[in-house]
Amino acid sequence: MVVVVDSKNKTAKETFDAFIKEQETQTGYNMYDSYNALYDTYNYYLAGADDKKWLKNNKITNDPSVLVLNGNGDVLAVAKSDLTTQQYQFSYYGDFYRKLQKANAFLSIDKVLKNKKASDADLINAFNKAALLETSYDYDSDYSVSDPNSTDFVITKTALDQKEVAQTWKKLIESHQKDKAVNMYLAETIIKEIKNQGFTKQLFNQERILNDTDFLAIDYLLKHSDDIENNKVAFNNNAPEVHNIGSAVSEISNALQQNLYASQDGLTGEMNKEKINSVYKKIIASGKGNFDAYRNYFYYLSQLEDQDGSNTTYLKEFSSYFDNTLAGPSPIEKLDAIFGGLDSSSSYSYDGWSSFKLYHSDICNNAAWAVVLKPQNSNFIKNAVKWSEYSLVISKNNPYYLDTLAQLYYKDGQTQKAIETQVLAVKFITSDVDEESANQMKEVLTKMSNGTY
């Protein structure tokens, strides 16, 4: 609520009423044909004689003043100026609104931490409020006025103890491990947090790698993945609230993928590789391994080597996926069925069918190429031949794929077939093939032909 204090101005009521009409008009522009509470962000109140005691108790001594309160009556911002000076601040799209949301989130968590009688719902609500904060688009969004005598808005600042916040979150996650039904607000907060977009990022602006609490929180999502799937549409459409939860499995796998690139205190997400592998195995063992989960899992495994320098773990997992999901007489129809079942949050749902097909031909070629490159992977030659042949069914006449298949044929003892395939690889070289690769393909053909490969 925006409270206007302007008792010394004889035209304050007229100015206030004119301002309200203008705000109604501007707010209406955002709603088009129907009312949308999302854009109706402010209520306005002109303080009168009956409010003097309240103003005094809250140390509002300047007249005129404009202040902003949250739903509990807490002061979020104060400007020692009149309404005319500040009237352009009150927009849903303005950076000021986002600063107020952040101040309110800080205050909400601070109050709930200090309140020994705070309920479980209070805690979840406070963490969720912080997790859903939207980062401002303005470059100077972190800048705020601190001079208490400024005529600009001074945002209320609340100091939080990061360790206390983390400890409270840990206890909250632990207390919900035996839940029989999902709490969608808690699930949403967990998803934001494990993706490095949640309350830790919003409140403390800190990048971090997944910790034990995060993996315990992931267990909560996995346990309730069916409930989340069944409730997400209604939850996401719970206007005027704004939510956007996707498939729990997709959200988890995307978070694990992002963790690989995160760093904290000189450590990287690489330190979590065993725990990450364990989560992927749980997902796959449960039978809920969707496209996004497998995609991220294979990318993750492809970055790792086994102790003997081979990629056995990766290639075994990929072989199982290929045989169970991709192989068969109608590969395009199988891919089309998978594509039709993509979660709307999947990047390939947006990128489209062509990119989806290319991904599968690429991943098969990449797995096959790993067998070409390393003698330690030689046990997978016959499997790799199948993967490579599949890549060319999906993306015909690709010179890179033909080069992979030719070399696999040669390693498998199919010399004549290898030479014929490598001839095709060279034949289909275009300007899209980099010069080094083109030269290597021609060199391989020469070696195969003269028996020196």
Protein backbone atom coordinates (compact mmCIF):
# COMPACT_ATOMS: atom_id res chain seq x y z
CA MET A 1 0.00 0.00 0.00
CA VAL A 2 1.20 3.49 -0.88
CA VAL A 3 0.44 5.94 1.92
CA VAL A 4 0.54 9.65 1.11
CA VAL A 5 1.14 12.15 3.94
CA ASP A 6 0.47 15.71 2.81
CA SER A 7 -1.64 17.45 5.49
CA LYS A 8 -0.19 20.93 4.89
CA ASN A 9 -1.21 20.98 1.22
CA LYS A 10 -4.73 22.39 0.74
CA THR A 11 -5.03 20.72 -2.68
CA ALA A 12 -3.71 17.34 -1.51
CA LYS A 13 -7.10 15.62 -1.88
CA GLU A 14 -7.59 16.93 -5.41
CA THR A 15 -4.06 15.92 -6.40
CA PHE A 16 -4.54 12.48 -4.85
CA ASP A 17 -7.87 11.87 -6.62
CA ALA A 18 -6.41 12.93 -9.98
CA PHE A 19 -3.46 10.61 -9.41
CA ILE A 20 -5.78 7.67 -8.65
CA LYS A 21 -7.69 8.19 -11.90
CA GLU A 22 -4.46 8.32 -13.88
CA GLN A 23 -3.21 5.13 -12.22
CA GLU A 24 -6.48 3.35 -13.01
CA THR A 25 -6.08 4.31 -16.64
CA GLN A 26 -2.44 3.19 -16.83
CA THR A 27 -3.18 -0.08 -15.03
CA GLY A 28 -6.07 -0.72 -17.41
CA TYR A 29 -3.71 -0.52 -20.40
CA ASN A 30 -1.88 -3.61 -19.07
CA MET A 31 -5.05 -5.66 -18.73
CA TYR A 32 -6.56 -5.27 -22.20
CA ASP A 33 -9.92 -7.09 -22.26
CA SER A 34 -10.15 -8.46 -18.71
CA TYR A 35 -9.00 -7.75 -15.19
CA ASN A 36 -5.65 -9.24 -14.20
CA ALA A 37 -4.66 -8.82 -10.55
CA LEU A 38 -1.01 -9.37 -11.50
CA TYR A 39 -0.78 -5.79 -12.77
CA ASP A 40 -2.88 -4.23 -10.00
CA THR A 41 0.10 -4.05 -7.67
CA TYR A 42 -0.60 -1.01 -5.50
CA ASN A 43 -3.37 0.28 -3.29
CA TYR A 44 -3.33 3.99 -2.37
CA TYR A 45 -4.31 5.81 0.80
CA LEU A 46 -4.26 9.48 1.73
CA ALA A 47 -3.44 9.80 5.43
CA GLY A 48 -5.67 12.03 7.54
CA ALA A 49 -5.95 13.35 11.07
CA ASP A 50 -6.87 9.88 12.44
CA ASP A 51 -3.50 8.51 11.30
CA LYS A 52 -1.25 10.84 13.33
CA LYS A 53 -0.69 8.31 16.11
CA TRP A 54 0.23 5.55 13.66
CA LEU A 55 2.64 7.84 11.82
CA LYS A 56 4.27 8.88 15.10
CA ASN A 57 4.65 5.26 16.25
CA ASN A 58 6.37 4.44 12.94
CA LYS A 59 8.60 7.53 13.18
CA ILE A 60 7.13 9.18 10.09
CA THR A 61 7.70 12.82 10.98
CA ASN A 62 8.17 14.47 7.63
CA ASP A 63 5.18 16.15 5.99
CA PRO A 64 4.90 15.64 3.04
CA SER A 65 5.98 11.99 2.82
CA VAL A 66 5.18 9.01 0.66
CA LEU A 67 5.66 5.55 2.13
CA VAL A 68 5.04 1.99 0.95
CA LEU A 69 3.76 -0.74 3.29
CA ASN A 70 3.48 -4.49 2.82
CA GLY A 71 0.35 -6.49 3.67
CA ASN A 72 1.38 -6.69 7.33
CA GLY A 73 1.79 -2.94 7.70
CA ASP A 74 5.59 -3.01 7.69
CA VAL A 75 7.28 0.00 6.10
CA LEU A 76 9.23 -1.02 2.97
CA ALA A 77 10.19 2.44 1.66
CA VAL A 78 9.89 6.12 2.58
CA ALA A 79 10.40 9.27 0.53
CA LYS A 80 10.39 12.72 2.12
CA SER A 81 8.56 14.31 -0.78
CA ASP A 82 5.07 14.82 -2.14
CA LEU A 83 3.08 12.48 -4.38
CA THR A 84 3.67 14.51 -7.54
CA THR A 85 7.42 13.96 -7.27
CA GLN A 86 7.07 10.16 -6.90
CA GLN A 87 4.02 9.35 -9.03
CA TYR A 88 5.98 7.77 -11.89
CA GLN A 89 7.51 5.12 -9.61
CA PHE A 90 4.36 3.06 -9.24
CA SER A 91 4.41 0.73 -12.21
CA TYR A 92 4.39 -3.06 -12.39
CA TYR A 93 7.29 -2.85 -14.84
CA GLY A 94 9.37 -0.43 -12.81
CA ASP A 95 12.58 -1.37 -11.03
CA PHE A 96 11.19 0.22 -7.87
CA TYR A 97 8.54 -2.52 -7.66
CA ARG A 98 11.23 -5.21 -7.77
CA LYS A 99 13.24 -3.47 -5.07
CA LEU A 100 10.14 -3.41 -2.90
CA GLN A 101 9.61 -7.14 -3.49
CA LYS A 102 13.19 -7.83 -2.48
CA ALA A 103 12.90 -5.68 0.65
CA ASN A 104 9.68 -7.50 1.52
CA ALA A 105 11.33 -10.89 1.03
CA PHE A 106 14.23 -9.96 3.31
CA LEU A 107 11.79 -8.70 5.92
CA SER A 108 9.56 -11.78 5.68
CA ILE A 109 12.44 -14.20 6.25
CA ASP A 110 13.87 -12.07 9.05
CA LYS A 111 10.53 -11.99 10.88
CA VAL A 112 9.89 -15.70 10.49
CA LEU A 113 13.39 -16.54 11.75
CA LYS A 114 12.88 -14.40 14.83
CA ASN A 115 9.41 -15.75 15.51
CA LYS A 116 9.70 -18.88 17.65
CA LYS A 117 6.00 -19.56 17.03
CA ALA A 118 6.31 -19.39 13.24
CA SER A 119 4.43 -22.23 11.57
CA ASP A 120 5.69 -24.55 8.87
CA ALA A 121 3.49 -22.70 6.38
CA ASP A 122 5.03 -19.38 7.45
CA LEU A 123 8.53 -20.71 6.76
CA ILE A 124 7.62 -22.13 3.36
CA ASN A 125 5.85 -18.91 2.39
CA ALA A 126 8.85 -16.77 3.36
CA PHE A 127 11.36 -18.91 1.44
CA ASN A 128 9.03 -19.15 -1.55
CA LYS A 129 8.56 -15.38 -1.65
CA ALA A 130 12.33 -14.88 -1.83
CA ALA A 131 12.82 -17.67 -4.37
CA LEU A 132 10.33 -16.13 -6.80
CA LEU A 133 11.92 -12.70 -6.88
CA GLU A 134 12.52 -11.43 -10.40
CA THR A 135 15.90 -9.96 -11.21
CA SER A 136 15.64 -6.43 -12.53
CA TYR A 137 16.57 -5.70 -16.12
CA ASP A 138 18.23 -2.42 -15.14
CA TYR A 139 22.00 -2.36 -14.86
CA ASP A 140 21.85 -0.27 -11.69
CA SER A 141 19.16 -2.39 -10.03
CA ASP A 142 21.29 -2.97 -6.93
CA TYR A 143 21.74 0.75 -6.39
CA SER A 144 19.52 2.23 -3.69
CA VAL A 145 19.34 5.50 -1.79
CA SER A 146 20.65 5.34 1.78
CA ASP A 147 20.48 9.00 2.87
CA PRO A 148 17.51 9.16 5.32
CA ASN A 149 16.89 12.80 4.38
CA SER A 150 16.65 12.08 0.66
CA THR A 151 13.55 13.10 -1.25
CA ASP A 152 13.93 9.84 -3.21
CA PHE A 153 12.65 6.56 -1.80
CA VAL A 154 14.83 4.99 0.88
CA ILE A 155 14.28 1.22 0.82
CA THR A 156 14.13 -0.58 4.14
CA LYS A 157 17.19 -2.78 4.58
CA THR A 158 17.18 -5.96 6.63
CA ALA A 159 20.40 -7.76 7.54
CA LEU A 160 20.19 -11.55 7.35
CA ASP A 161 22.56 -14.18 8.73
CA GLN A 162 23.24 -16.48 5.79
CA LYS A 163 24.23 -19.41 8.01
CA GLU A 164 21.00 -19.07 10.00
CA VAL A 165 18.96 -18.96 6.80
CA ALA A 166 20.73 -22.09 5.46
CA GLN A 167 20.28 -23.95 8.74
CA THR A 168 16.57 -23.12 8.90
CA TRP A 169 16.13 -24.30 5.30
CA LYS A 170 17.96 -27.54 6.12
CA LYS A 171 15.63 -28.23 9.07
CA LEU A 172 12.61 -27.45 6.88
CA ILE A 173 13.71 -29.93 4.21
CA GLU A 174 14.45 -32.60 6.82
CA SER A 175 11.05 -32.15 8.43
CA HIS A 176 9.25 -32.85 5.12
CA GLN A 177 11.04 -36.06 4.15
CA LYS A 178 8.14 -38.22 5.30
CA ASP A 179 5.38 -36.15 3.68
CA LYS A 180 2.70 -38.29 2.06
CA ALA A 181 1.47 -35.48 -0.17
CA VAL A 182 3.48 -32.83 -1.98
CA ASN A 183 3.56 -29.20 -0.91
CA MET A 184 3.74 -27.41 -4.26
CA TYR A 185 5.14 -24.20 -2.78
CA LEU A 186 7.95 -26.15 -1.14
CA ALA A 187 8.57 -28.08 -4.37
CA GLU A 188 8.74 -24.85 -6.36
CA THR A 189 11.16 -23.32 -3.84
CA ILE A 190 13.38 -26.41 -4.02
CA ILE A 191 13.45 -26.29 -7.81
CA LYS A 192 14.49 -22.64 -7.81
CA GLU A 193 17.16 -23.28 -5.18
CA ILE A 194 18.82 -26.28 -6.85
CA LYS A 195 18.89 -24.34 -10.15
CA ASN A 196 20.79 -21.49 -8.45
CA GLN A 197 17.84 -19.15 -8.98
CA GLY A 198 16.32 -19.37 -5.50
CA PHE A 199 16.49 -17.52 -2.21
CA THR A 200 20.27 -17.92 -1.75
CA LYS A 201 20.92 -16.26 -5.12
CA GLN A 202 18.25 -13.61 -4.61
CA LEU A 203 19.10 -12.68 -1.02
CA PHE A 204 22.88 -13.06 -1.02
CA ASN A 205 23.75 -12.90 -4.73
CA GLN A 206 25.88 -16.00 -4.39
CA GLU A 207 26.62 -18.74 -6.90
CA ARG A 208 27.08 -22.10 -5.24
CA ILE A 209 27.40 -25.80 -5.89
CA LEU A 210 24.84 -28.32 -4.66
CA ASN A 211 25.21 -29.39 -1.03
CA ASP A 212 23.79 -32.16 1.17
CA THR A 213 20.60 -30.21 1.82
CA ASP A 214 20.06 -29.82 -1.93
CA PHE A 215 20.41 -33.56 -2.54
CA LEU A 216 17.96 -34.22 0.31
CA ALA A 217 15.60 -31.72 -1.31
CA ILE A 218 16.02 -33.52 -4.65
CA ASP A 219 14.92 -36.73 -2.91
CA TYR A 220 11.74 -34.88 -1.92
CA LEU A 221 11.08 -33.96 -5.56
CA LEU A 222 11.73 -37.50 -6.75
CA LYS A 223 9.45 -38.98 -4.10
CA HIS A 224 6.62 -36.65 -5.12
CA SER A 225 7.33 -36.46 -8.87
CA ASP A 226 3.96 -38.00 -9.79
CA ASP A 227 2.10 -35.61 -7.49
CA ILE A 228 3.99 -32.65 -8.96
CA GLU A 229 3.11 -33.79 -12.47
CA ASN A 230 -0.57 -34.16 -11.55
CA ASN A 231 -0.80 -30.80 -9.78
CA LYS A 232 1.50 -28.55 -11.84
CA VAL A 233 -1.12 -27.32 -14.34
CA ALA A 234 -3.51 -26.15 -11.63
CA PHE A 235 -0.64 -24.69 -9.62
CA ASN A 236 0.83 -22.83 -12.59
CA ASN A 237 -2.59 -21.36 -13.39
CA ASN A 238 -3.34 -20.28 -9.83
CA ALA A 239 -3.88 -16.59 -10.72
CA PRO A 240 -2.97 -13.98 -9.62
CA GLU A 241 0.06 -15.92 -8.37
CA VAL A 242 2.81 -16.55 -10.92
CA HIS A 243 4.27 -20.07 -11.04
CA ASN A 244 6.05 -22.06 -13.71
CA ILE A 245 6.89 -25.59 -12.56
CA GLY A 246 7.81 -28.11 -15.24
CA SER A 247 8.35 -31.86 -15.00
CA ALA A 248 10.11 -32.66 -11.72
CA VAL A 249 12.49 -35.05 -13.49
CA SER A 250 13.35 -32.43 -16.14
CA GLU A 251 13.84 -29.74 -13.50
CA ILE A 252 16.17 -32.00 -11.50
CA SER A 253 18.23 -33.09 -14.49
CA ASN A 254 18.59 -29.49 -15.67
CA ALA A 255 19.74 -28.46 -12.19
CA LEU A 256 22.32 -31.26 -12.11
CA GLN A 257 23.55 -30.18 -15.53
CA GLN A 258 23.94 -26.58 -14.41
CA ASN A 259 25.83 -27.69 -11.30
CA LEU A 260 28.68 -28.94 -13.49
CA TYR A 261 29.50 -25.33 -14.36
CA ALA A 262 28.97 -23.86 -10.88
CA SER A 263 31.82 -22.96 -8.52
CA GLN A 264 32.06 -21.97 -4.88
CA ASP A 265 35.06 -21.23 -2.67
CA GLY A 266 37.48 -22.66 -5.23
CA LEU A 267 35.46 -25.87 -5.68
CA THR A 268 33.41 -26.90 -8.73
CA GLY A 269 30.37 -29.04 -9.32
CA GLU A 270 32.76 -31.82 -10.34
CA MET A 271 33.07 -32.73 -6.64
CA ASN A 272 29.43 -33.89 -6.70
CA LYS A 273 29.86 -36.36 -9.56
CA GLU A 274 29.16 -39.47 -7.46
CA LYS A 275 26.02 -37.96 -5.93
CA ILE A 276 24.86 -36.70 -9.31
CA ASN A 277 25.40 -40.13 -10.83
CA SER A 278 23.39 -41.63 -7.99
CA VAL A 279 20.45 -39.26 -8.67
CA TYR A 280 20.44 -40.11 -12.38
CA LYS A 281 20.45 -43.81 -11.54
CA LYS A 282 17.47 -43.31 -9.21
CA ILE A 283 15.57 -41.52 -11.96
CA ILE A 284 16.30 -44.19 -14.55
CA ALA A 285 15.68 -47.10 -12.15
CA SER A 286 12.28 -45.60 -11.29
CA GLY A 287 11.28 -45.73 -14.96
CA LYS A 288 10.81 -41.95 -15.06
CA GLY A 289 13.88 -41.16 -17.14
CA ASN A 290 12.44 -38.80 -19.76
CA PHE A 291 14.29 -37.29 -22.71
CA ASP A 292 15.75 -34.38 -20.74
CA ALA A 293 17.01 -36.66 -17.98
CA TYR A 294 18.76 -39.00 -20.42
CA ARG A 295 20.15 -36.10 -22.45
CA ASN A 296 21.79 -34.52 -19.41
CA TYR A 297 22.88 -37.89 -18.03
CA PHE A 298 24.71 -38.83 -21.23
CA TYR A 299 26.34 -35.44 -21.46
CA TYR A 300 27.47 -35.80 -17.86
CA LEU A 301 28.84 -39.33 -18.39
CA SER A 302 30.58 -38.39 -21.62
CA GLN A 303 32.74 -35.95 -19.68
CA LEU A 304 34.01 -38.70 -17.36
CA GLU A 305 36.59 -41.45 -17.82
CA ASP A 306 36.74 -44.76 -15.98
CA GLN A 307 39.93 -45.69 -14.14
CA ASP A 308 41.37 -47.53 -17.14
CA GLY A 309 40.88 -44.46 -19.36
CA SER A 310 37.88 -45.99 -21.12
CA ASN A 311 34.32 -44.62 -21.31
CA THR A 312 32.78 -47.96 -20.37
CA THR A 313 30.21 -46.54 -17.94
CA TYR A 314 28.99 -44.02 -20.50
CA LEU A 315 28.94 -46.48 -23.40
CA LYS A 316 27.13 -49.19 -21.41
CA GLU A 317 24.43 -46.76 -20.31
CA PHE A 318 24.08 -45.37 -23.83
CA SER A 319 23.92 -48.86 -25.33
CA SER A 320 21.04 -49.76 -23.01
CA TYR A 321 19.19 -46.55 -23.88
CA PHE A 322 19.73 -47.05 -27.61
CA ASP A 323 18.46 -50.63 -27.58
CA ASN A 324 15.41 -49.84 -25.43
CA THR A 325 14.43 -46.47 -26.86
CA LEU A 326 15.85 -45.77 -30.31
CA ALA A 327 16.55 -49.05 -32.09
CA GLY A 328 13.87 -50.67 -34.24
CA PRO A 329 12.37 -50.74 -37.72
CA SER A 330 10.82 -47.25 -37.61
CA PRO A 331 13.35 -44.82 -36.04
CA ILE A 332 11.62 -41.65 -37.25
CA GLU A 333 8.27 -42.78 -35.84
CA LYS A 334 9.92 -43.58 -32.50
CA LEU A 335 11.53 -40.16 -32.37
CA ASP A 336 8.24 -38.52 -33.29
CA ALA A 337 6.55 -40.27 -30.35
CA ILE A 338 9.25 -39.05 -27.95
CA PHE A 339 9.05 -35.53 -29.37
CA GLY A 340 5.28 -35.49 -28.92
CA GLY A 341 5.68 -36.32 -25.24
CA LEU A 342 8.23 -33.60 -24.42
CA ASP A 343 7.53 -31.44 -21.40
CA SER A 344 6.71 -27.87 -22.38
CA SER A 345 9.73 -26.67 -20.37
CA SER A 346 12.13 -28.74 -22.49
CA SER A 347 14.38 -26.63 -24.70
CA TYR A 348 13.67 -28.95 -27.64
CA SER A 349 9.96 -28.33 -27.26
CA TYR A 350 10.84 -24.77 -28.28
CA ASP A 351 13.69 -25.50 -30.72
CA GLY A 352 11.55 -27.86 -32.79
CA TRP A 353 11.55 -31.19 -34.58
CA SER A 354 14.60 -30.58 -36.78
CA SER A 355 16.82 -29.78 -33.80
CA PHE A 356 15.41 -32.77 -31.94
CA LYS A 357 16.32 -35.12 -34.80
CA LEU A 358 19.77 -33.59 -35.13
CA TYR A 359 20.38 -34.08 -31.42
CA HIS A 360 19.76 -37.82 -31.73
CA SER A 361 21.91 -38.27 -34.81
CA ASP A 362 24.65 -36.27 -33.07
CA ILE A 363 24.53 -38.20 -29.81
CA CYS A 364 24.72 -41.52 -31.66
CA ASN A 365 27.64 -40.30 -33.72
CA ASN A 366 29.41 -38.91 -30.63
CA ALA A 367 29.10 -42.21 -28.76
CA ALA A 368 30.33 -44.08 -31.83
CA TRP A 369 33.23 -41.64 -32.28
CA ALA A 370 34.35 -42.31 -28.70
CA VAL A 371 34.86 -45.93 -29.78
CA VAL A 372 36.87 -44.83 -32.83
CA LEU A 373 39.12 -42.61 -30.74
CA LYS A 374 40.06 -44.94 -27.86
CA PRO A 375 41.41 -48.49 -28.09
CA GLN A 376 40.11 -48.95 -24.51
CA ASN A 377 36.57 -48.76 -25.92
CA SER A 378 37.12 -51.51 -28.51
CA ASN A 379 34.65 -53.88 -26.84
CA PHE A 380 31.87 -51.62 -28.13
CA ILE A 381 32.81 -51.66 -31.84
CA LYS A 382 29.82 -53.71 -33.00
CA ASN A 383 27.45 -51.58 -30.88
CA ALA A 384 29.06 -48.44 -32.24
CA VAL A 385 28.47 -49.62 -35.82
CA LYS A 386 24.73 -49.77 -35.04
CA TRP A 387 24.78 -46.30 -33.47
CA SER A 388 26.66 -44.85 -36.40
CA GLU A 389 24.36 -46.46 -38.98
CA TYR A 390 21.40 -45.03 -37.04
CA SER A 391 22.86 -41.51 -37.16
CA LEU A 392 22.89 -41.71 -40.95
CA VAL A 393 19.28 -42.92 -41.09
CA ILE A 394 18.28 -39.75 -39.24
CA SER A 395 20.70 -37.37 -40.99
CA LYS A 396 21.57 -38.76 -44.41
CA ASN A 397 24.89 -38.16 -46.19
CA ASN A 398 26.51 -36.31 -43.29
CA PRO A 399 30.27 -36.49 -44.03
CA TYR A 400 31.23 -36.48 -40.33
CA TYR A 401 28.91 -39.43 -39.62
CA LEU A 402 30.10 -41.28 -42.73
CA ASP A 403 33.70 -40.81 -41.61
CA THR A 404 32.85 -42.30 -38.19
CA LEU A 405 31.04 -45.28 -39.72
CA ALA A 406 33.83 -45.99 -42.22
CA GLN A 407 36.45 -46.13 -39.49
CA LEU A 408 34.27 -48.41 -37.40
CA TYR A 409 33.76 -50.76 -40.35
CA TYR A 410 37.52 -50.90 -40.82
CA LYS A 411 38.13 -51.66 -37.13
CA ASP A 412 35.45 -54.36 -37.37
CA GLY A 413 37.29 -56.04 -40.26
CA GLN A 414 34.86 -54.90 -42.98
CA THR A 415 37.61 -53.33 -45.08
CA GLN A 416 35.84 -52.98 -48.45
CA LYS A 417 32.72 -51.59 -46.84
CA ALA A 418 34.89 -49.13 -44.91
CA ILE A 419 36.57 -47.84 -48.09
CA GLU A 420 33.25 -47.46 -49.89
CA THR A 421 31.80 -45.51 -46.95
CA GLN A 422 34.86 -43.29 -46.67
CA VAL A 423 34.57 -42.51 -50.40
CA LEU A 424 31.07 -41.22 -49.65
CA ALA A 425 32.37 -39.20 -46.70
CA VAL A 426 34.83 -37.42 -49.00
CA LYS A 427 32.19 -37.07 -51.73
CA PHE A 428 29.78 -35.22 -49.43
CA ILE A 429 32.34 -32.78 -48.04
CA THR A 430 30.90 -29.26 -48.37
CA SER A 431 31.96 -25.78 -47.36
CA ASP A 432 30.33 -26.47 -43.97
CA VAL A 433 33.10 -28.97 -43.17
CA ASP A 434 36.15 -27.30 -41.66
CA GLU A 435 39.36 -27.62 -43.64
CA GLU A 436 41.21 -29.70 -41.05
CA SER A 437 38.42 -32.30 -40.87
CA ALA A 438 38.13 -32.43 -44.65
CA ASN A 439 41.86 -33.10 -44.99
CA GLN A 440 41.72 -35.79 -42.30
CA MET A 441 38.84 -37.56 -44.10
CA LYS A 442 40.84 -37.60 -47.34
CA GLU A 443 43.92 -38.86 -45.52
CA VAL A 444 41.93 -41.67 -43.88
CA LEU A 445 40.62 -42.71 -47.31
CA THR A 446 44.18 -42.83 -48.68
CA LYS A 447 45.37 -44.97 -45.74
CA MET A 448 42.43 -47.34 -46.01
CA SER A 449 42.99 -47.73 -49.74
CA ASN A 450 46.70 -48.51 -49.47
CA GLY A 451 46.38 -50.64 -46.31
CA THR A 452 48.20 -48.30 -43.92
CA TYR A 453 45.20 -47.26 -41.81
